Amino acid sequence: MIVAVVGPSGAGKDTLIAGALSARADIQFVRRVITRPTEAGSEDFEGVTFEEFAARKADGEFALDWEAHGLYYGIPKDQTTAP
């Protein structure tokens, strides 16, 4: 099961996620793929070009993907399967 925590910047998403991760050992935080340079953010994500993202999406690599604020985001299928 995938649970997406969404909301505007500063709404407390990271606090909720940190609380869930500390309370439940069975919850896994997945590393997102984002169309921005890896150095551009404080979170752990895989930065790719728009072209790389589009190719991976066309190959069916993402379990979930969306666009927000001019960037594209994806959750790789290989991170959504149980160990």
PDB file of N, CA and C in Angstrom:
ATOM      1  N   MET A   1       0.840  -1.170   0.000  1.00  0.00           N
ATOM      2  CA  MET A   1       0.000   0.000   0.000  1.00  0.00           C
ATOM      3  C   MET A   1       0.893   1.243   0.000  1.00  0.00           C
ATOM      4  N   ILE A   2       0.513   2.209  -0.780  1.00  0.00           N
ATOM      5  CA  ILE A   2       1.196   3.497  -0.814  1.00  0.00           C
ATOM      6  C   ILE A   2       0.311   4.513  -0.103  1.00  0.00           C
ATOM      7  N   VAL A   3       0.906   5.268   0.801  1.00  0.00           N
ATOM      8  CA  VAL A   3       0.212   6.368   1.455  1.00  0.00           C
ATOM      9  C   VAL A   3       0.985   7.634   1.105  1.00  0.00           C
ATOM     10  N   ALA A   4       0.320   8.563   0.455  1.00  0.00           N
ATOM     11  CA  ALA A   4       0.952   9.823   0.077  1.00  0.00           C
ATOM     12  C   ALA A   4       0.561  10.896   1.090  1.00  0.00           C
ATOM     13  N   VAL A   5       1.552  11.591   1.592  1.00  0.00           N
ATOM     14  CA  VAL A   5       1.311  12.714   2.499  1.00  0.00           C
ATOM     15  C   VAL A   5       1.554  13.972   1.678  1.00  0.00           C
ATOM     16  N   VAL A   6       0.500  14.733   1.443  1.00  0.00           N
ATOM     17  CA  VAL A   6       0.603  15.910   0.578  1.00  0.00           C
ATOM     18  C   VAL A   6       0.099  17.153   1.305  1.00  0.00           C
ATOM     19  N   GLY A   7       0.609  18.283   0.896  1.00  0.00           N
ATOM     20  CA  GLY A   7       0.183  19.547   1.474  1.00  0.00           C
ATOM     21  C   GLY A   7       1.164  20.629   1.105  1.00  0.00           C
ATOM     22  N   PRO A   8       0.818  21.871   1.371  1.00  0.00           N
ATOM     23  CA  PRO A   8       1.708  22.976   1.022  1.00  0.00           C
ATOM     24  C   PRO A   8       2.979  22.977   1.868  1.00  0.00           C
ATOM     25  N   SER A   9       3.959  23.651   1.385  1.00  0.00           N
ATOM     26  CA  SER A   9       5.216  23.794   2.109  1.00  0.00           C
ATOM     27  C   SER A   9       4.953  24.366   3.495  1.00  0.00           C
ATOM     28  N   GLY A  10       5.549  23.759   4.505  1.00  0.00           N
ATOM     29  CA  GLY A  10       5.407  24.243   5.869  1.00  0.00           C
ATOM     30  C   GLY A  10       4.192  23.712   6.610  1.00  0.00           C
ATOM     31  N   ALA A  11       3.433  22.807   5.978  1.00  0.00           N
ATOM     32  CA  ALA A  11       2.207  22.295   6.605  1.00  0.00           C
ATOM     33  C   ALA A  11       2.471  21.239   7.674  1.00  0.00           C
ATOM     34  N   GLY A  12       3.695  20.687   7.703  1.00  0.00           N
ATOM     35  CA  GLY A  12       4.019  19.678   8.709  1.00  0.00           C
ATOM     36  C   GLY A  12       4.120  18.257   8.184  1.00  0.00           C
ATOM     37  N   LYS A  13       4.261  18.107   6.870  1.00  0.00           N
ATOM     38  CA  LYS A  13       4.364  16.774   6.277  1.00  0.00           C
ATOM     39  C   LYS A  13       5.554  16.000   6.830  1.00  0.00           C
ATOM     40  N   ASP A  14       6.716  16.633   6.897  1.00  0.00           N
ATOM     41  CA  ASP A  14       7.918  15.949   7.389  1.00  0.00           C
ATOM     42  C   ASP A  14       7.752  15.514   8.845  1.00  0.00           C
ATOM     43  N   THR A  15       7.082  16.303   9.650  1.00  0.00           N
ATOM     44  CA  THR A  15       6.837  15.954  11.051  1.00  0.00           C
ATOM     45  C   THR A  15       5.941  14.720  11.146  1.00  0.00           C
ATOM     46  N   LEU A  16       4.885  14.690  10.343  1.00  0.00           N
ATOM     47  CA  LEU A  16       3.995  13.525  10.334  1.00  0.00           C
ATOM     48  C   LEU A  16       4.720  12.264   9.869  1.00  0.00           C
ATOM     49  N   ILE A  17       5.512  12.400   8.824  1.00  0.00           N
ATOM     50  CA  ILE A  17       6.240  11.252   8.296  1.00  0.00           C
ATOM     51  C   ILE A  17       7.260  10.750   9.313  1.00  0.00           C
ATOM     52  N   ALA A  18       7.994  11.649   9.929  1.00  0.00           N
ATOM     53  CA  ALA A  18       8.981  11.248  10.943  1.00  0.00           C
ATOM     54  C   ALA A  18       8.308  10.530  12.101  1.00  0.00           C
ATOM     55  N   GLY A  19       7.159  11.011  12.535  1.00  0.00           N
ATOM     56  CA  GLY A  19       6.426  10.354  13.613  1.00  0.00           C
ATOM     57  C   GLY A  19       5.975   8.958  13.226  1.00  0.00           C
ATOM     58  N   ALA A  20       5.472   8.814  12.015  1.00  0.00           N
ATOM     59  CA  ALA A  20       5.030   7.495  11.546  1.00  0.00           C
ATOM     60  C   ALA A  20       6.200   6.525  11.435  1.00  0.00           C
ATOM     61  N   LEU A  21       7.328   7.000  10.907  1.00  0.00           N
ATOM     62  CA  LEU A  21       8.500   6.135  10.763  1.00  0.00           C
ATOM     63  C   LEU A  21       9.044   5.683  12.113  1.00  0.00           C
ATOM     64  N   SER A  22       9.002   6.556  13.104  1.00  0.00           N
ATOM     65  CA  SER A  22       9.522   6.187  14.426  1.00  0.00           C
ATOM     66  C   SER A  22       8.552   5.273  15.177  1.00  0.00           C
ATOM     67  N   ALA A  23       7.268   5.370  14.880  1.00  0.00           N
ATOM     68  CA  ALA A  23       6.270   4.569  15.588  1.00  0.00           C
ATOM     69  C   ALA A  23       6.054   3.192  14.977  1.00  0.00           C
ATOM     70  N   ARG A  24       6.346   3.041  13.698  1.00  0.00           N
ATOM     71  CA  ARG A  24       6.041   1.788  13.007  1.00  0.00           C
ATOM     72  C   ARG A  24       7.226   1.323  12.181  1.00  0.00           C
ATOM     73  N   ALA A  25       7.804   0.198  12.570  1.00  0.00           N
ATOM     74  CA  ALA A  25       8.955  -0.356  11.855  1.00  0.00           C
ATOM     75  C   ALA A  25       8.582  -0.893  10.477  1.00  0.00           C
ATOM     76  N   ASP A  26       7.305  -1.143  10.241  1.00  0.00           N
ATOM     77  CA  ASP A  26       6.873  -1.699   8.963  1.00  0.00           C
ATOM     78  C   ASP A  26       6.612  -0.630   7.894  1.00  0.00           C
ATOM     79  N   ILE A  27       6.794   0.635   8.230  1.00  0.00           N
ATOM     80  CA  ILE A  27       6.610   1.704   7.257  1.00  0.00           C
ATOM     81  C   ILE A  27       7.945   2.021   6.593  1.00  0.00           C
ATOM     82  N   GLN A  28       7.915   2.126   5.278  1.00  0.00           N
ATOM     83  CA  GLN A  28       9.123   2.419   4.497  1.00  0.00           C
ATOM     84  C   GLN A  28       8.963   3.766   3.812  1.00  0.00           C
ATOM     85  N   PHE A  29       9.958   4.625   3.948  1.00  0.00           N
ATOM     86  CA  PHE A  29       9.974   5.903   3.256  1.00  0.00           C
ATOM     87  C   PHE A  29      10.600   5.682   1.892  1.00  0.00           C
ATOM     88  N   VAL A  30       9.914   6.050   0.825  1.00  0.00           N
ATOM     89  CA  VAL A  30      10.454   5.840  -0.520  1.00  0.00           C
ATOM     90  C   VAL A  30      11.132   7.105  -1.031  1.00  0.00           C
ATOM     91  N   ARG A  31      12.163   6.892  -1.792  1.00  0.00           N
ATOM     92  CA  ARG A  31      12.938   7.993  -2.363  1.00  0.00           C
ATOM     93  C   ARG A  31      12.305   8.404  -3.687  1.00  0.00           C
ATOM     94  N   ARG A  32      11.880   9.652  -3.777  1.00  0.00           N
ATOM     95  CA  ARG A  32      11.217  10.135  -4.974  1.00  0.00           C
ATOM     96  C   ARG A  32      12.217  10.483  -6.078  1.00  0.00           C
ATOM     97  N   VAL A  33      11.717  10.445  -7.300  1.00  0.00           N
ATOM     98  CA  VAL A  33      12.446  10.921  -8.474  1.00  0.00           C
ATOM     99  C   VAL A  33      11.826  12.270  -8.819  1.00  0.00           C
ATOM    100  N   ILE A  34      12.670  13.314  -8.957  1.00  0.00           N
ATOM    101  CA  ILE A  34      12.171  14.669  -9.200  1.00  0.00           C
ATOM    102  C   ILE A  34      12.990  15.317 -10.314  1.00  0.00           C
ATOM    103  N   THR A  35      12.323  16.084 -11.152  1.00  0.00           N
ATOM    104  CA  THR A  35      13.017  16.783 -12.243  1.00  0.00           C
ATOM    105  C   THR A  35      13.654  18.073 -11.739  1.00  0.00           C
ATOM    106  N   ARG A  36      14.624  17.921 -10.869  1.00  0.00           N
ATOM    107  CA  ARG A  36      15.445  19.049 -10.414  1.00  0.00           C
ATOM    108  C   ARG A  36      16.791  18.479  -9.993  1.00  0.00           C
ATOM    109  N   PRO A  37      17.833  19.305  -9.983  1.00  0.00           N
ATOM    110  CA  PRO A  37      19.155  18.816  -9.584  1.00  0.00           C
ATOM    111  C   PRO A  37      19.137  18.296  -8.140  1.00  0.00           C
ATOM    112  N   THR A  38      19.819  17.202  -7.892  1.00  0.00           N
ATOM    113  CA  THR A  38      19.869  16.590  -6.565  1.00  0.00           C
ATOM    114  C   THR A  38      20.366  17.575  -5.515  1.00  0.00           C
ATOM    115  N   GLU A  39      21.288  18.462  -5.883  1.00  0.00           N
ATOM    116  CA  GLU A  39      21.839  19.431  -4.934  1.00  0.00           C
ATOM    117  C   GLU A  39      20.837  20.520  -4.562  1.00  0.00           C
ATOM    118  N   ALA A  40      19.709  20.585  -5.259  1.00  0.00           N
ATOM    119  CA  ALA A  40      18.773  21.697  -5.077  1.00  0.00           C
ATOM    120  C   ALA A  40      17.849  21.548  -3.881  1.00  0.00           C
ATOM    121  N   GLY A  41      17.885  20.430  -3.189  1.00  0.00           N
ATOM    122  CA  GLY A  41      16.948  20.261  -2.085  1.00  0.00           C
ATOM    123  C   GLY A  41      17.599  19.704  -0.847  1.00  0.00           C
ATOM    124  N   SER A  42      16.902  19.833   0.250  1.00  0.00           N
ATOM    125  CA  SER A  42      17.436  19.340   1.520  1.00  0.00           C
ATOM    126  C   SER A  42      16.989  17.912   1.814  1.00  0.00           C
ATOM    127  N   GLU A  43      16.084  17.377   1.000  1.00  0.00           N
ATOM    128  CA  GLU A  43      15.599  16.018   1.212  1.00  0.00           C
ATOM    129  C   GLU A  43      16.361  15.033   0.332  1.00  0.00           C
ATOM    130  N   ASP A  44      16.200  13.751   0.630  1.00  0.00           N
ATOM    131  CA  ASP A  44      16.849  12.713  -0.166  1.00  0.00           C
ATOM    132  C   ASP A  44      15.948  12.364  -1.348  1.00  0.00           C
ATOM    133  N   PHE A  45      16.387  12.682  -2.562  1.00  0.00           N
ATOM    134  CA  PHE A  45      15.634  12.345  -3.769  1.00  0.00           C
ATOM    135  C   PHE A  45      16.606  12.108  -4.904  1.00  0.00           C
ATOM    136  N   GLU A  46      16.113  11.505  -5.976  1.00  0.00           N
ATOM    137  CA  GLU A  46      16.921  11.293  -7.170  1.00  0.00           C
ATOM    138  C   GLU A  46      16.572  12.385  -8.177  1.00  0.00           C
ATOM    139  N   GLY A  47      17.519  13.236  -8.481  1.00  0.00           N
ATOM    140  CA  GLY A  47      17.294  14.299  -9.448  1.00  0.00           C
ATOM    141  C   GLY A  47      17.540  13.813 -10.859  1.00  0.00           C
ATOM    142  N   VAL A  48      16.610  14.106 -11.769  1.00  0.00           N
ATOM    143  CA  VAL A  48      16.729  13.704 -13.169  1.00  0.00           C
ATOM    144  C   VAL A  48      16.299  14.859 -14.064  1.00  0.00           C
ATOM    145  N   THR A  49      16.664  14.774 -15.328  1.00  0.00           N
ATOM    146  CA  THR A  49      16.194  15.755 -16.303  1.00  0.00           C
ATOM    147  C   THR A  49      14.759  15.421 -16.695  1.00  0.00           C
ATOM    148  N   PHE A  50      14.089  16.391 -17.310  1.00  0.00           N
ATOM    149  CA  PHE A  50      12.737  16.135 -17.787  1.00  0.00           C
ATOM    150  C   PHE A  50      12.730  14.973 -18.779  1.00  0.00           C
ATOM    151  N   GLU A  51      13.734  14.929 -19.651  1.00  0.00           N
ATOM    152  CA  GLU A  51      13.807  13.873 -20.662  1.00  0.00           C
ATOM    153  C   GLU A  51      13.958  12.494 -20.011  1.00  0.00           C
ATOM    154  N   GLU A  52      14.816  12.395 -18.985  1.00  0.00           N
ATOM    155  CA  GLU A  52      14.977  11.123 -18.266  1.00  0.00           C
ATOM    156  C   GLU A  52      13.669  10.710 -17.595  1.00  0.00           C
ATOM    157  N   PHE A  53      13.010  11.678 -16.966  1.00  0.00           N
ATOM    158  CA  PHE A  53      11.747  11.390 -16.293  1.00  0.00           C
ATOM    159  C   PHE A  53      10.711  10.879 -17.301  1.00  0.00           C
ATOM    160  N   ALA A  54      10.577  11.580 -18.420  1.00  0.00           N
ATOM    161  CA  ALA A  54       9.594  11.197 -19.442  1.00  0.00           C
ATOM    162  C   ALA A  54       9.866   9.792 -19.970  1.00  0.00           C
ATOM    163  N   ALA A  55      11.133   9.460 -20.189  1.00  0.00           N
ATOM    164  CA  ALA A  55      11.479   8.124 -20.685  1.00  0.00           C
ATOM    165  C   ALA A  55      11.142   7.057 -19.650  1.00  0.00           C
ATOM    166  N   ARG A  56      11.451   7.312 -18.398  1.00  0.00           N
ATOM    167  CA  ARG A  56      11.159   6.346 -17.337  1.00  0.00           C
ATOM    168  C   ARG A  56       9.659   6.180 -17.146  1.00  0.00           C
ATOM    169  N   LYS A  57       8.923   7.275 -17.266  1.00  0.00           N
ATOM    170  CA  LYS A  57       7.464   7.187 -17.169  1.00  0.00           C
ATOM    171  C   LYS A  57       6.911   6.368 -18.332  1.00  0.00           C
ATOM    172  N   ALA A  58       7.413   6.622 -19.535  1.00  0.00           N
ATOM    173  CA  ALA A  58       6.969   5.872 -20.713  1.00  0.00           C
ATOM    174  C   ALA A  58       7.267   4.384 -20.581  1.00  0.00           C
ATOM    175  N   ASP A  59       8.342   4.047 -19.883  1.00  0.00           N
ATOM    176  CA  ASP A  59       8.710   2.643 -19.645  1.00  0.00           C
ATOM    177  C   ASP A  59       7.889   2.018 -18.518  1.00  0.00           C
ATOM    178  N   GLY A  60       6.999   2.807 -17.894  1.00  0.00           N
ATOM    179  CA  GLY A  60       6.151   2.278 -16.832  1.00  0.00           C
ATOM    180  C   GLY A  60       6.867   2.086 -15.513  1.00  0.00           C
ATOM    181  N   GLU A  61       7.930   2.852 -15.273  1.00  0.00           N
ATOM    182  CA  GLU A  61       8.744   2.677 -14.079  1.00  0.00           C
ATOM    183  C   GLU A  61       8.085   3.185 -12.793  1.00  0.00           C
ATOM    184  N   PHE A  62       7.141   4.109 -12.905  1.00  0.00           N
ATOM    185  CA  PHE A  62       6.588   4.735 -11.709  1.00  0.00           C
ATOM    186  C   PHE A  62       5.263   4.104 -11.274  1.00  0.00           C
ATOM    187  N   ALA A  63       5.129   3.881  -9.974  1.00  0.00           N
ATOM    188  CA  ALA A  63       3.862   3.434  -9.403  1.00  0.00           C
ATOM    189  C   ALA A  63       2.902   4.609  -9.297  1.00  0.00           C
ATOM    190  N   LEU A  64       3.475   5.795  -9.130  1.00  0.00           N
ATOM    191  CA  LEU A  64       2.699   7.018  -8.964  1.00  0.00           C
ATOM    192  C   LEU A  64       3.549   8.169  -9.474  1.00  0.00           C
ATOM    193  N   ASP A  65       2.946   9.086 -10.223  1.00  0.00           N
ATOM    194  CA  ASP A  65       3.689  10.278 -10.649  1.00  0.00           C
ATOM    195  C   ASP A  65       2.730  11.452 -10.734  1.00  0.00           C
ATOM    196  N   TRP A  66       3.292  12.667 -10.595  1.00  0.00           N
ATOM    197  CA  TRP A  66       2.482  13.886 -10.622  1.00  0.00           C
ATOM    198  C   TRP A  66       3.359  15.072 -10.976  1.00  0.00           C
ATOM    199  N   GLU A  67       2.692  16.187 -11.282  1.00  0.00           N
ATOM    200  CA  GLU A  67       3.379  17.434 -11.599  1.00  0.00           C
ATOM    201  C   GLU A  67       2.905  18.494 -10.618  1.00  0.00           C
ATOM    202  N   ALA A  68       3.839  19.260 -10.092  1.00  0.00           N
ATOM    203  CA  ALA A  68       3.509  20.365  -9.193  1.00  0.00           C
ATOM    204  C   ALA A  68       4.586  21.433  -9.289  1.00  0.00           C
ATOM    205  N   HIS A  69       4.168  22.664  -9.390  1.00  0.00           N
ATOM    206  CA  HIS A  69       5.076  23.821  -9.387  1.00  0.00           C
ATOM    207  C   HIS A  69       6.144  23.722 -10.474  1.00  0.00           C
ATOM    208  N   GLY A  70       5.773  23.166 -11.632  1.00  0.00           N
ATOM    209  CA  GLY A  70       6.698  23.076 -12.753  1.00  0.00           C
ATOM    210  C   GLY A  70       7.686  21.929 -12.672  1.00  0.00           C
ATOM    211  N   LEU A  71       7.561  21.072 -11.671  1.00  0.00           N
ATOM    212  CA  LEU A  71       8.436  19.912 -11.523  1.00  0.00           C
ATOM    213  C   LEU A  71       7.607  18.640 -11.655  1.00  0.00           C
ATOM    214  N   TYR A  72       8.273  17.547 -12.042  1.00  0.00           N
ATOM    215  CA  TYR A  72       7.610  16.246 -12.129  1.00  0.00           C
ATOM    216  C   TYR A  72       8.183  15.341 -11.046  1.00  0.00           C
ATOM    217  N   TYR A  73       7.306  14.585 -10.405  1.00  0.00           N
ATOM    218  CA  TYR A  73       7.656  13.714  -9.287  1.00  0.00           C
ATOM    219  C   TYR A  73       7.213  12.292  -9.603  1.00  0.00           C
ATOM    220  N   GLY A  74       7.992  11.320  -9.176  1.00  0.00           N
ATOM    221  CA  GLY A  74       7.609   9.928  -9.379  1.00  0.00           C
ATOM    222  C   GLY A  74       8.050   9.055  -8.224  1.00  0.00           C
ATOM    223  N   ILE A  75       7.238   8.031  -7.951  1.00  0.00           N
ATOM    224  CA  ILE A  75       7.578   7.001  -6.969  1.00  0.00           C
ATOM    225  C   ILE A  75       7.875   5.736  -7.768  1.00  0.00           C
ATOM    226  N   PRO A  76       9.139   5.281  -7.763  1.00  0.00           N
ATOM    227  CA  PRO A  76       9.485   4.086  -8.541  1.00  0.00           C
ATOM    228  C   PRO A  76       8.758   2.837  -8.027  1.00  0.00           C
ATOM    229  N   LYS A  77       8.281   2.025  -8.966  1.00  0.00           N
ATOM    230  CA  LYS A  77       7.601   0.773  -8.615  1.00  0.00           C
ATOM    231  C   LYS A  77       8.485  -0.120  -7.766  1.00  0.00           C
ATOM    232  N   ASP A  78       9.791  -0.142  -8.049  1.00  0.00           N
ATOM    233  CA  ASP A  78      10.685  -1.058  -7.316  1.00  0.00           C
ATOM    234  C   ASP A  78      10.825  -0.703  -5.836  1.00  0.00           C
ATOM    235  N   GLN A  79      10.357   0.476  -5.434  1.00  0.00           N
ATOM    236  CA  GLN A  79      10.407   0.866  -4.028  1.00  0.00           C
ATOM    237  C   GLN A  79       9.067   0.627  -3.316  1.00  0.00           C
ATOM    238  N   THR A  80       8.090   0.145  -4.039  1.00  0.00           N
ATOM    239  CA  THR A  80       6.762  -0.016  -3.450  1.00  0.00           C
ATOM    240  C   THR A  80       6.394  -1.465  -3.209  1.00  0.00           C
ATOM    241  N   THR A  81       7.337  -2.375  -3.386  1.00  0.00           N
ATOM    242  CA  THR A  81       7.048  -3.783  -3.140  1.00  0.00           C
ATOM    243  C   THR A  81       7.581  -4.176  -1.762  1.00  0.00           C
ATOM    244  N   ALA A  82       6.865  -5.064  -1.116  1.00  0.00           N
ATOM    245  CA  ALA A  82       7.278  -5.527   0.213  1.00  0.00           C
ATOM    246  C   ALA A  82       8.541  -6.365   0.095  1.00  0.00           C
ATOM    247  N   PRO A  83       9.432  -6.291   1.116  1.00  0.00           N
ATOM    248  CA  PRO A  83      10.670  -7.078   1.072  1.00  0.00           C
ATOM    249  C   PRO A  83      10.399  -8.559   1.153  1.00  0.00           C
TER     250      PRO A  83
END
